[in-house]
Amino acid sequence: MSNRHKSRILAGMVVTAALVLGGSARAAVPGLVEQGRLLDSSGNPLNSTLSFVFTVYDAATGGSALWTETQSAVVISNGYFSAQLGSVTPIPATVFDGSVRYLGIAVDGDPEMTPRQALTSVAYALLAGNVSGDITPNSVKINGTTVIDSTGNWVGSSSGIAGPTGPAGATGPTGAAGPTGAAGPTGAAGPTGAAGESVVGTSEAPGPNCALGGVKYTSASGDNYVCNGALGATGATGPAGSPGPAGAAGPTGAAGESVVGTSEASGANCAFGGTKYTSASGDAYVCNGATGATGAAGPAGSPGPAGPAGAVGPAGPAGAQGATGSAGPAGATGPEGPAGPAGPAGATGSTGNIGPTGSTGLTGSAGPTGATGATGPAGAVLFASVHTTLYGDDTLYLSPVAGDTVAPDTVVPFNPAPALVAVACKMGISVVSNVNLPPAVTFTVRKSSSWPLAPVPALTNTSNAHCTIASGSNTCASSSPESIAAGTLVDIVATRTGTPYAGGEAFAIALTCQ
């Protein structure tokens, strides 16, 4: 690790000291516990084992080193470390004599950090360690007068020790109240309290500790659980919104196949003949039904009228006047006249039985797709939170359940408190701002299947659960939901483009679940 890189680590260190008492203060100082945190130049906590050099000086700069020790393997977890000073080289009792001392720290071969840390009232409580047994003063004075000298002899008043106090006299009358005295000076600040315990949070699956799952917090004192509450009853469905505009017509279906029809003679394919349809998919037949039975003969028509009489033939030449003969035979009958016109047709016979139904014809091509229906109502709100920013940052990481206030140009190196989704659902996001924003701001739901002990990028953006408040607007909502599995942790990242609103902004964020 280079010095340049290491110096950026130490620039983020915050240290505290706490006293550990025990034993007699005259032999050696029992020890100090030094605790702090190491961050890299990006604000991320370190996880490593490094060498630390601790030195106590009599001055804030320069001066003399009164004590020093090297601890070669100090464990750093999530940036935190703790080291008991004096565990390698005991601290002599003479180091703390009532004067202010200063602690210097150097890490892994780097130069010592500046400034040094002042050790004040907490360290000097070490001198009080021997009042639990025999005391070891050089002499004893009362009100500035020596009563026991350095040899242990009584040199005070020879009048003897005062006897017991007599009974109290009667209470005198209350005197007039005196004027209010001037306010006394402010007392010195008390010593810094011991550092709190390191607490690590992990996701807790549904079970005996949390019926609906939650978060398990582990520390030296034991385990504690923050459990999810049962989901509230689904609220009544709001009125349906006005139908949206009709969607664009769907694409026209693929063109049907070309079909050619030809006459099919009676045979194996059509017993009574029919039509054969040929296409790329093959042949199909539409066959004729069987011929129905012949109807009964209609009644005979009435006889037509008689034809006109034929014309009379020419007279023969006159014979000689003979004797009157006997009467001659009758002349031959003239030719028959032409036939009269045909009589009217007889009535039509009854209709024969219907033949069997032919086979079904080919299916026509599909019609165009219908218009898209109206969007259904939004799902119930699962998480809600309100966040305030002062002048705004380019990127903010926000909790779905805990509101917060972010100062100008704040760098957020760690995750906010994410929320645990107890049951699987389809999640959407909607946001309302207190002002019409001058720059656009995009809000995206991020998710993770495990507790994010690592830096912010441990959560990943969802594909659908996001929306953008456009410039000049103050609201947005996601257009399609994101499928979220049960046990998933979610938070929100807000990114802006452009100059933020000068007076700060507030955002109300709701995550819905369908």
Protein backbone atom coordinates (compact mmCIF):
# COMPACT_ATOMS: atom_id res chain seq x y z
CA MET A 1 0.00 0.00 0.00
CA SER A 2 1.53 3.33 -1.06
CA ASN A 3 1.98 6.28 1.31
CA ARG A 4 -0.10 8.46 -0.97
CA HIS A 5 -2.99 6.00 -0.88
CA LYS A 6 -2.60 5.44 2.85
CA SER A 7 -2.72 9.15 3.64
CA ARG A 8 -6.12 9.33 2.06
CA ILE A 9 -7.23 6.51 4.36
CA LEU A 10 -6.04 8.24 7.52
CA ALA A 11 -7.67 11.53 6.57
CA GLY A 12 -11.03 9.93 7.35
CA MET A 13 -10.09 8.53 10.79
CA VAL A 14 -12.21 9.39 13.84
CA VAL A 15 -10.76 8.19 17.21
CA THR A 16 -11.98 8.06 20.78
CA ALA A 17 -10.27 6.93 23.98
CA ALA A 18 -11.79 5.24 27.02
CA LEU A 19 -10.20 4.39 30.39
CA VAL A 20 -9.92 0.80 31.62
CA LEU A 21 -9.28 0.78 35.40
CA GLY A 22 -7.98 -2.00 37.61
CA GLY A 23 -5.19 -2.72 40.09
CA SER A 24 -2.88 -0.16 41.70
CA ALA A 25 -1.93 2.97 39.78
CA ARG A 26 1.59 3.05 41.26
CA ALA A 27 2.90 -0.06 39.45
CA ALA A 28 1.76 0.67 35.89
CA VAL A 29 -1.19 2.31 34.15
CA PRO A 30 -3.82 -0.41 33.51
CA GLY A 31 -4.35 0.71 29.90
CA LEU A 32 -6.36 2.88 27.52
CA VAL A 33 -8.69 1.57 24.83
CA GLU A 34 -8.24 3.42 21.50
CA GLN A 35 -11.10 3.03 19.01
CA GLY A 36 -11.69 4.56 15.60
CA ARG A 37 -12.63 4.01 11.98
CA LEU A 38 -10.58 3.91 8.73
CA LEU A 39 -12.12 4.98 5.40
CA ASP A 40 -10.52 5.06 1.96
CA SER A 41 -10.41 8.15 -0.28
CA SER A 42 -13.88 7.31 -1.67
CA GLY A 43 -15.41 7.13 1.82
CA ASN A 44 -15.58 3.31 1.88
CA PRO A 45 -14.63 1.42 5.10
CA LEU A 46 -11.52 -0.81 5.10
CA ASN A 47 -11.37 -4.51 5.99
CA SER A 48 -7.76 -5.55 6.79
CA THR A 49 -5.15 -6.32 9.50
CA LEU A 50 -2.47 -3.59 9.84
CA SER A 51 0.41 -2.51 12.13
CA PHE A 52 -0.25 0.48 14.46
CA VAL A 53 2.38 2.52 16.42
CA PHE A 54 0.96 4.42 19.46
CA THR A 55 3.11 7.15 21.20
CA VAL A 56 2.31 9.44 24.21
CA TYR A 57 3.96 12.92 24.10
CA ASP A 58 4.16 15.84 26.55
CA ALA A 59 3.33 18.40 23.83
CA ALA A 60 0.86 18.80 20.93
CA THR A 61 3.79 19.18 18.50
CA GLY A 62 7.44 18.33 18.97
CA GLY A 63 8.09 17.62 22.68
CA SER A 64 9.34 14.37 24.19
CA ALA A 65 7.98 10.85 23.70
CA LEU A 66 7.04 9.54 27.19
CA TRP A 67 5.92 6.07 26.08
CA THR A 68 5.48 4.11 22.79
CA GLU A 69 4.48 0.64 21.63
CA THR A 70 3.86 -1.18 18.33
CA GLN A 71 0.84 -3.48 17.85
CA SER A 72 1.61 -5.48 14.70
CA ALA A 73 -1.83 -7.01 13.97
CA VAL A 74 -4.75 -4.68 14.64
CA VAL A 75 -7.92 -6.07 12.99
CA ILE A 76 -10.03 -3.59 10.98
CA SER A 77 -13.62 -4.74 10.24
CA ASN A 78 -15.95 -2.57 8.18
CA GLY A 79 -13.54 0.30 8.97
CA TYR A 80 -13.70 -0.10 12.78
CA PHE A 81 -10.69 -0.98 15.00
CA SER A 82 -10.05 -1.19 18.75
CA ALA A 83 -6.65 -1.44 20.51
CA GLN A 84 -5.81 -1.55 24.24
CA LEU A 85 -2.80 0.68 24.84
CA GLY A 86 -0.22 -0.87 27.20
CA SER A 87 -1.04 -4.45 26.17
CA VAL A 88 2.42 -4.81 24.55
CA THR A 89 4.50 -2.28 26.52
CA PRO A 90 3.05 -1.35 29.98
CA ILE A 91 2.50 2.40 30.54
CA PRO A 92 4.54 3.67 33.55
CA ALA A 93 2.52 5.48 36.23
CA THR A 94 4.82 8.51 35.83
CA VAL A 95 3.48 9.18 32.31
CA PHE A 96 0.25 10.70 33.72
CA ASP A 97 1.16 13.20 36.49
CA GLY A 98 -1.69 15.66 36.01
CA SER A 99 -0.27 17.40 32.93
CA VAL A 100 -1.96 17.25 29.51
CA ARG A 101 -0.60 14.40 27.38
CA TYR A 102 -0.98 13.83 23.60
CA LEU A 103 -1.44 10.56 21.71
CA GLY A 104 0.17 10.08 18.26
CA ILE A 105 -0.85 7.28 15.84
CA ALA A 106 0.99 5.88 12.79
CA VAL A 107 -0.45 3.09 10.60
CA ASP A 108 1.38 0.46 8.54
CA GLY A 109 4.69 2.38 8.19
CA ASP A 110 3.11 5.73 7.29
CA PRO A 111 4.22 8.99 8.99
CA GLU A 112 2.41 9.77 12.22
CA MET A 113 -1.02 11.44 11.77
CA THR A 114 -1.53 15.09 12.72
CA PRO A 115 -2.79 16.65 14.87
CA ARG A 116 -2.09 14.52 17.94
CA GLN A 117 -5.03 13.57 20.16
CA ALA A 118 -5.16 15.33 23.56
CA LEU A 119 -5.59 13.00 26.60
CA THR A 120 -7.22 15.05 29.37
CA SER A 121 -9.53 14.16 32.25
CA VAL A 122 -10.21 10.57 31.23
CA ALA A 123 -6.55 9.51 31.38
CA TYR A 124 -5.91 11.30 34.66
CA ALA A 125 -8.61 9.25 36.37
CA LEU A 126 -5.80 6.66 36.39
CA LEU A 127 -4.22 8.55 39.32
CA ALA A 128 -7.34 7.88 41.40
CA GLY A 129 -6.75 4.12 41.20
CA ASN A 130 -5.08 3.85 44.65
CA VAL A 131 -7.92 5.36 46.71
CA SER A 132 -9.58 1.92 46.78
CA GLY A 133 -6.87 0.77 49.32
CA ASP A 134 -4.04 2.55 51.18
CA ILE A 135 -3.33 6.13 50.17
CA THR A 136 0.26 7.23 49.53
CA PRO A 137 0.52 11.06 49.83
CA ASN A 138 3.74 12.97 50.59
CA SER A 139 1.93 14.97 53.32
CA VAL A 140 -1.59 15.98 54.46
CA LYS A 141 -2.85 19.57 54.59
CA ILE A 142 -6.19 20.97 55.79
CA ASN A 143 -7.14 24.47 54.58
CA GLY A 144 -3.49 25.04 53.64
CA THR A 145 -2.14 23.99 57.07
CA THR A 146 0.06 20.86 57.28
CA VAL A 147 -1.31 18.43 59.89
CA ILE A 148 0.83 15.35 58.96
CA ASP A 149 4.38 15.95 57.72
CA SER A 150 6.41 13.93 55.16
CA THR A 151 7.72 11.65 57.98
CA GLY A 152 4.18 10.67 59.02
CA ASN A 153 4.19 12.69 62.32
CA TRP A 154 1.17 14.74 63.51
CA VAL A 155 2.16 18.43 63.47
CA GLY A 156 -1.31 19.94 63.67
CA SER A 157 -3.09 21.58 66.66
CA SER A 158 -2.27 20.03 70.06
CA SER A 159 -5.73 20.84 71.44
CA GLY A 160 -6.90 17.40 70.53
CA ILE A 161 -9.59 16.16 68.23
CA ALA A 162 -12.94 17.91 68.56
CA GLY A 163 -15.69 16.02 70.41
CA PRO A 164 -18.99 15.01 68.94
CA THR A 165 -21.33 17.73 67.80
CA GLY A 166 -23.91 18.86 70.36
CA PRO A 167 -27.62 18.85 69.78
CA ALA A 168 -28.89 21.37 67.31
CA GLY A 169 -30.27 24.61 68.74
CA ALA A 170 -33.72 25.88 68.07
CA THR A 171 -34.21 27.19 64.61
CA GLY A 172 -33.96 30.96 64.47
CA PRO A 173 -36.31 33.12 62.47
CA THR A 174 -35.79 33.11 58.74
CA GLY A 175 -33.66 36.03 57.65
CA ALA A 176 -34.54 38.28 54.76
CA ALA A 177 -33.59 36.85 51.40
CA GLY A 178 -30.24 38.12 50.21
CA PRO A 179 -29.65 39.38 46.69
CA THR A 180 -29.23 36.76 43.96
CA GLY A 181 -25.58 35.89 43.54
CA ALA A 182 -23.81 36.12 40.20
CA ALA A 183 -23.95 32.99 38.02
CA GLY A 184 -20.98 30.70 38.60
CA PRO A 185 -18.63 29.81 35.73
CA THR A 186 -19.58 26.94 33.43
CA GLY A 187 -18.13 23.64 34.63
CA ALA A 188 -15.54 21.80 32.59
CA ALA A 189 -16.85 19.37 29.99
CA GLY A 190 -17.15 15.79 31.26
CA PRO A 191 -14.97 13.02 29.83
CA THR A 192 -15.94 11.42 26.51
CA GLY A 193 -18.04 8.30 27.05
CA ALA A 194 -16.84 4.89 25.95
CA ALA A 195 -17.44 4.02 22.30
CA GLY A 196 -20.62 2.09 21.55
CA GLU A 197 -20.57 -1.52 20.49
CA SER A 198 -20.17 -2.51 16.84
CA VAL A 199 -23.51 -3.67 15.47
CA VAL A 200 -23.92 -5.74 12.29
CA GLY A 201 -27.32 -6.12 10.64
CA THR A 202 -28.35 -9.10 8.50
CA SER A 203 -31.61 -10.11 6.85
CA GLU A 204 -33.81 -12.39 8.99
CA ALA A 205 -35.98 -14.85 7.05
CA PRO A 206 -39.57 -15.52 8.24
CA GLY A 207 -39.45 -17.93 11.18
CA PRO A 208 -39.70 -18.15 15.00
CA ASN A 209 -37.79 -14.88 15.55
CA CYS A 210 -39.78 -12.83 13.02
CA ALA A 211 -43.01 -14.34 11.65
CA LEU A 212 -42.85 -12.14 8.55
CA GLY A 213 -39.06 -11.75 8.39
CA GLY A 214 -37.08 -8.63 9.30
CA VAL A 215 -33.54 -7.61 10.27
CA LYS A 216 -31.23 -9.28 12.87
CA TYR A 217 -28.75 -6.91 14.63
CA THR A 218 -25.71 -8.69 16.15
CA SER A 219 -23.38 -7.06 18.74
CA ALA A 220 -21.24 -8.13 21.71
CA SER A 221 -24.34 -7.81 23.93
CA GLY A 222 -26.29 -10.37 21.92
CA ASP A 223 -28.84 -10.47 19.08
CA ASN A 224 -31.82 -8.15 18.60
CA TYR A 225 -34.52 -8.32 15.96
CA VAL A 226 -36.52 -5.66 14.14
CA CYS A 227 -39.43 -7.57 12.58
CA ASN A 228 -41.70 -6.66 9.70
CA GLY A 229 -45.32 -6.02 10.65
CA ALA A 230 -48.16 -7.87 8.96
CA LEU A 231 -49.29 -6.34 5.69
CA GLY A 232 -52.30 -4.10 6.22
CA ALA A 233 -55.60 -4.87 4.55
CA THR A 234 -55.80 -3.80 0.94
CA GLY A 235 -57.54 -0.46 0.63
CA ALA A 236 -60.69 -0.06 -1.41
CA THR A 237 -60.07 0.19 -5.12
CA GLY A 238 -60.18 3.76 -6.33
CA PRO A 239 -62.44 4.77 -9.20
CA ALA A 240 -61.23 3.70 -12.60
CA GLY A 241 -59.47 6.39 -14.56
CA SER A 242 -60.80 7.69 -17.85
CA PRO A 243 -60.04 5.31 -20.72
CA GLY A 244 -56.77 6.13 -22.37
CA PRO A 245 -56.61 6.90 -26.08
CA ALA A 246 -56.99 3.94 -28.38
CA GLY A 247 -53.71 2.24 -29.12
CA ALA A 248 -52.36 2.17 -32.63
CA ALA A 249 -53.80 -0.59 -34.82
CA GLY A 250 -51.83 -3.80 -34.61
CA PRO A 251 -49.86 -4.98 -37.62
CA THR A 252 -51.79 -6.67 -40.42
CA GLY A 253 -51.65 -10.45 -40.21
CA ALA A 254 -49.59 -12.44 -42.68
CA ALA A 255 -51.18 -12.84 -46.15
CA GLY A 256 -53.17 -16.02 -46.65
CA GLU A 257 -52.00 -18.72 -49.07
CA SER A 258 -52.97 -18.65 -52.73
CA VAL A 259 -55.75 -21.23 -53.40
CA VAL A 260 -56.73 -22.57 -56.87
CA GLY A 261 -60.08 -24.40 -57.35
CA THR A 262 -60.72 -27.06 -60.03
CA SER A 263 -63.66 -29.38 -60.76
CA GLU A 264 -63.37 -32.79 -59.11
CA ALA A 265 -65.04 -35.76 -60.88
CA SER A 266 -66.98 -38.37 -58.94
CA GLY A 267 -64.50 -40.78 -57.42
CA ALA A 268 -62.55 -41.66 -54.24
CA ASN A 269 -62.20 -38.01 -53.10
CA CYS A 270 -65.85 -36.97 -53.80
CA ALA A 271 -68.45 -39.71 -54.33
CA PHE A 272 -70.74 -37.31 -56.18
CA GLY A 273 -68.08 -34.98 -57.60
CA GLY A 274 -67.26 -31.48 -56.31
CA THR A 275 -64.42 -28.95 -56.27
CA LYS A 276 -60.71 -29.49 -55.47
CA TYR A 277 -58.82 -26.53 -53.80
CA THR A 278 -55.00 -26.59 -54.18
CA SER A 279 -52.62 -24.41 -52.02
CA ALA A 280 -49.08 -24.58 -50.55
CA SER A 281 -50.52 -26.40 -47.52
CA GLY A 282 -51.97 -29.21 -49.66
CA ASP A 283 -55.29 -30.18 -51.31
CA ALA A 284 -58.79 -29.78 -49.87
CA TYR A 285 -62.14 -30.89 -51.33
CA VAL A 286 -65.68 -29.48 -51.24
CA CYS A 287 -67.92 -32.37 -52.39
CA ASN A 288 -71.48 -32.41 -53.81
CA GLY A 289 -74.22 -34.14 -51.81
CA ALA A 290 -76.07 -37.16 -53.23
CA THR A 291 -78.93 -36.42 -55.69
CA GLY A 292 -82.31 -36.27 -53.94
CA ALA A 293 -85.15 -38.69 -54.89
CA THR A 294 -87.27 -37.80 -57.96
CA GLY A 295 -90.45 -35.93 -57.05
CA ALA A 296 -93.90 -37.39 -57.82
CA ALA A 297 -95.30 -36.68 -61.36
CA GLY A 298 -97.61 -33.71 -61.55
CA PRO A 299 -101.26 -34.17 -62.74
CA ALA A 300 -102.00 -34.32 -66.57
CA GLY A 301 -102.80 -31.02 -68.20
CA SER A 302 -106.36 -30.39 -69.61
CA PRO A 303 -106.94 -31.23 -73.41
CA GLY A 304 -106.12 -28.43 -75.84
CA PRO A 305 -108.93 -26.88 -78.10
CA ALA A 306 -109.88 -28.65 -81.40
CA GLY A 307 -108.04 -27.47 -84.48
CA PRO A 308 -110.02 -25.58 -87.36
CA ALA A 309 -111.72 -27.55 -90.18
CA GLY A 310 -109.64 -28.20 -93.30
CA ALA A 311 -110.34 -26.24 -96.61
CA VAL A 312 -112.81 -27.76 -99.14
CA GLY A 313 -111.13 -29.30 -102.20
CA PRO A 314 -111.90 -27.96 -105.85
CA ALA A 315 -114.96 -29.21 -107.64
CA GLY A 316 -114.50 -31.90 -110.36
CA PRO A 317 -115.55 -31.27 -114.06
CA ALA A 318 -119.17 -31.76 -114.88
CA GLY A 319 -119.93 -35.18 -116.44
CA ALA A 320 -122.01 -35.74 -119.53
CA GLN A 321 -125.44 -35.71 -118.84
CA GLY A 322 -126.03 -39.31 -118.62
CA ALA A 323 -128.77 -41.11 -117.50
CA THR A 324 -129.29 -40.51 -114.13
CA GLY A 325 -127.17 -43.06 -112.67
CA SER A 326 -127.35 -44.50 -109.33
CA ALA A 327 -125.89 -42.47 -106.60
CA GLY A 328 -122.04 -42.55 -106.61
CA PRO A 329 -119.92 -43.45 -103.58
CA ALA A 330 -119.06 -40.77 -101.09
CA GLY A 331 -115.85 -38.77 -101.79
CA ALA A 332 -112.64 -39.38 -99.81
CA THR A 333 -112.09 -37.43 -96.58
CA GLY A 334 -109.93 -34.35 -96.94
CA PRO A 335 -106.50 -34.11 -95.19
CA GLU A 336 -106.39 -33.49 -91.42
CA GLY A 337 -105.87 -29.91 -90.29
CA PRO A 338 -102.76 -28.81 -88.27
CA ALA A 339 -102.59 -29.68 -84.52
CA GLY A 340 -103.81 -27.10 -82.11
CA PRO A 341 -101.35 -25.36 -79.66
CA ALA A 342 -100.08 -27.31 -76.56
CA GLY A 343 -102.04 -27.04 -73.36
CA PRO A 344 -100.54 -25.27 -70.27
CA ALA A 345 -97.84 -27.14 -68.25
CA GLY A 346 -98.96 -29.17 -65.30
CA ALA A 347 -98.24 -28.02 -61.70
CA THR A 348 -94.60 -28.53 -60.39
CA GLY A 349 -94.07 -31.63 -58.29
CA SER A 350 -92.94 -31.41 -54.59
CA THR A 351 -89.20 -30.75 -53.82
CA GLY A 352 -87.05 -33.81 -53.23
CA ASN A 353 -85.05 -34.40 -49.94
CA ILE A 354 -81.90 -32.21 -49.29
CA GLY A 355 -78.63 -33.96 -50.04
CA PRO A 356 -75.84 -34.34 -47.33
CA THR A 357 -73.83 -31.20 -46.32
CA GLY A 358 -70.52 -30.78 -48.12
CA SER A 359 -67.15 -30.52 -46.19
CA THR A 360 -66.18 -27.17 -44.47
CA GLY A 361 -64.24 -24.73 -46.63
CA LEU A 362 -60.73 -23.41 -45.73
CA THR A 363 -60.38 -20.91 -42.80
CA GLY A 364 -59.86 -17.31 -43.89
CA SER A 365 -56.80 -15.22 -42.77
CA ALA A 366 -56.83 -13.64 -39.24
CA GLY A 367 -58.26 -10.13 -38.87
CA PRO A 368 -56.18 -7.19 -37.49
CA THR A 369 -55.41 -7.04 -33.71
CA GLY A 370 -57.99 -5.12 -31.61
CA ALA A 371 -57.16 -1.87 -29.78
CA THR A 372 -55.42 -2.09 -26.32
CA GLY A 373 -57.80 -1.94 -23.32
CA ALA A 374 -57.67 0.76 -20.62
CA THR A 375 -54.95 0.50 -17.89
CA GLY A 376 -56.21 -1.02 -14.60
CA PRO A 377 -56.05 0.84 -11.23
CA ALA A 378 -52.67 1.14 -9.39
CA GLY A 379 -51.74 -1.41 -6.68
CA ALA A 380 -51.73 -0.79 -2.91
CA VAL A 381 -48.93 1.31 -1.34
CA LEU A 382 -46.30 -0.98 0.30
CA PHE A 383 -43.73 1.63 1.50
CA ALA A 384 -43.88 5.45 1.78
CA SER A 385 -41.29 8.05 2.84
CA VAL A 386 -40.57 11.80 2.61
CA HIS A 387 -37.07 13.19 1.91
CA THR A 388 -35.79 16.79 2.01
CA THR A 389 -32.71 18.05 0.14
CA LEU A 390 -31.03 21.46 0.64
CA TYR A 391 -29.99 22.77 -2.81
CA GLY A 392 -29.69 19.16 -3.94
CA ASP A 393 -27.01 16.65 -4.94
CA ASP A 394 -26.41 14.92 -8.27
CA THR A 395 -26.98 11.46 -6.69
CA LEU A 396 -28.90 10.54 -3.49
CA TYR A 397 -29.54 7.11 -1.95
CA LEU A 398 -32.89 7.11 -0.14
CA SER A 399 -34.72 4.77 2.24
CA PRO A 400 -38.24 3.63 1.24
CA VAL A 401 -39.38 3.74 4.90
CA ALA A 402 -37.31 6.43 6.70
CA GLY A 403 -37.32 10.10 5.70
CA ASP A 404 -34.15 12.17 5.97
CA THR A 405 -32.67 15.61 5.31
CA VAL A 406 -29.59 15.81 3.08
CA ALA A 407 -27.28 18.84 3.41
CA PRO A 408 -25.76 20.59 0.37
CA ASP A 409 -23.08 18.65 -1.53
CA THR A 410 -23.28 15.71 0.87
CA VAL A 411 -21.39 12.56 -0.17
CA VAL A 412 -23.37 9.48 0.92
CA PRO A 413 -20.77 6.66 1.33
CA PHE A 414 -23.03 4.04 2.95
CA ASN A 415 -26.44 2.58 2.23
CA PRO A 416 -29.50 4.17 3.87
CA ALA A 417 -31.88 1.84 5.68
CA PRO A 418 -33.35 -0.42 2.96
CA ALA A 419 -36.76 -2.09 3.30
CA LEU A 420 -37.47 -5.84 3.24
CA VAL A 421 -40.23 -7.04 0.87
CA ALA A 422 -41.94 -9.85 2.82
CA VAL A 423 -44.02 -11.34 -0.02
CA ALA A 424 -43.44 -11.49 -3.78
CA CYS A 425 -45.21 -8.77 -5.77
CA LYS A 426 -45.05 -6.55 -8.85
CA MET A 427 -43.60 -3.21 -7.66
CA GLY A 428 -44.07 0.29 -9.09
CA ILE A 429 -42.91 3.75 -7.92
CA SER A 430 -44.62 7.17 -7.84
CA VAL A 431 -43.10 10.49 -6.65
CA VAL A 432 -44.52 13.96 -5.85
CA SER A 433 -42.27 17.04 -5.39
CA ASN A 434 -43.19 20.18 -3.42
CA VAL A 435 -42.11 22.38 -6.36
CA ASN A 436 -41.99 22.24 -10.15
CA LEU A 437 -38.40 21.15 -10.71
CA PRO A 438 -36.08 23.16 -12.99
CA PRO A 439 -33.87 20.09 -13.75
CA ALA A 440 -35.21 16.60 -14.44
CA VAL A 441 -34.83 14.05 -11.58
CA THR A 442 -35.01 10.25 -12.11
CA PHE A 443 -36.04 7.92 -9.24
CA THR A 444 -35.10 4.22 -9.58
CA VAL A 445 -35.88 1.32 -7.21
CA ARG A 446 -32.75 -0.76 -6.47
CA LYS A 447 -32.80 -4.33 -5.11
CA SER A 448 -30.56 -6.92 -3.45
CA SER A 449 -31.07 -10.48 -2.21
CA SER A 450 -28.71 -9.97 0.79
CA TRP A 451 -28.04 -7.31 3.47
CA PRO A 452 -25.76 -4.60 1.99
CA LEU A 453 -22.76 -4.47 4.36
CA ALA A 454 -20.64 -3.43 1.37
CA PRO A 455 -20.72 0.12 -0.10
CA VAL A 456 -23.68 1.56 -2.01
CA PRO A 457 -23.15 -0.34 -5.34
CA ALA A 458 -24.10 -3.64 -3.61
CA LEU A 459 -27.73 -2.93 -4.72
CA THR A 460 -28.61 -3.01 -8.43
CA ASN A 461 -31.11 -0.92 -10.39
CA THR A 462 -34.42 -2.54 -11.41
CA SER A 463 -35.43 -2.57 -15.09
CA ASN A 464 -38.99 -1.24 -14.82
CA ALA A 465 -39.58 0.35 -11.37
CA HIS A 466 -38.43 3.88 -12.22
CA CYS A 467 -39.85 7.26 -13.25
CA THR A 468 -38.60 10.76 -14.13
CA ILE A 469 -40.01 14.13 -12.99
CA ALA A 470 -39.51 16.21 -16.12
CA SER A 471 -38.25 19.80 -16.00
CA GLY A 472 -41.16 22.11 -15.05
CA SER A 473 -43.20 19.25 -13.52
CA ASN A 474 -43.61 17.91 -9.96
CA THR A 475 -44.82 14.31 -10.31
CA CYS A 476 -44.04 11.01 -12.02
CA ALA A 477 -45.01 7.31 -11.89
CA SER A 478 -43.51 4.14 -13.39
CA SER A 479 -45.25 2.87 -16.55
CA SER A 480 -44.83 -0.87 -15.89
CA PRO A 481 -44.20 -2.93 -12.70
CA GLU A 482 -41.05 -4.87 -11.64
CA SER A 483 -41.33 -8.44 -10.31
CA ILE A 484 -39.81 -8.53 -6.79
CA ALA A 485 -39.17 -11.85 -4.99
CA ALA A 486 -40.02 -12.37 -1.32
CA GLY A 487 -37.10 -11.54 1.01
CA THR A 488 -35.65 -8.89 -1.36
CA LEU A 489 -34.17 -5.66 0.09
CA VAL A 490 -35.05 -2.45 -1.79
CA ASP A 491 -34.03 1.21 -1.64
CA ILE A 492 -34.19 4.20 -4.03
CA VAL A 493 -31.53 6.15 -5.96
CA ALA A 494 -32.34 9.68 -7.21
CA THR A 495 -30.21 11.24 -9.98
CA ARG A 496 -30.60 14.74 -11.41
CA THR A 497 -29.33 16.58 -14.49
CA GLY A 498 -28.92 20.34 -14.44
CA THR A 499 -28.89 23.06 -11.75
CA PRO A 500 -31.02 22.19 -8.65
CA TYR A 501 -33.81 24.33 -7.26
CA ALA A 502 -32.25 27.11 -5.12
CA GLY A 503 -34.62 26.75 -2.14
CA GLY A 504 -34.29 23.00 -1.61
CA GLU A 505 -36.84 20.29 -2.43
CA ALA A 506 -39.01 17.71 -0.69
CA PHE A 507 -40.02 14.42 -2.31
CA ALA A 508 -42.88 12.12 -1.19
CA ILE A 509 -42.13 8.62 -2.52
CA ALA A 510 -44.52 5.62 -2.58
CA LEU A 511 -43.64 2.06 -3.64
CA THR A 512 -46.78 0.14 -4.74
CA CYS A 513 -47.28 -3.62 -4.83
CA GLN A 514 -49.73 -5.44 -7.11
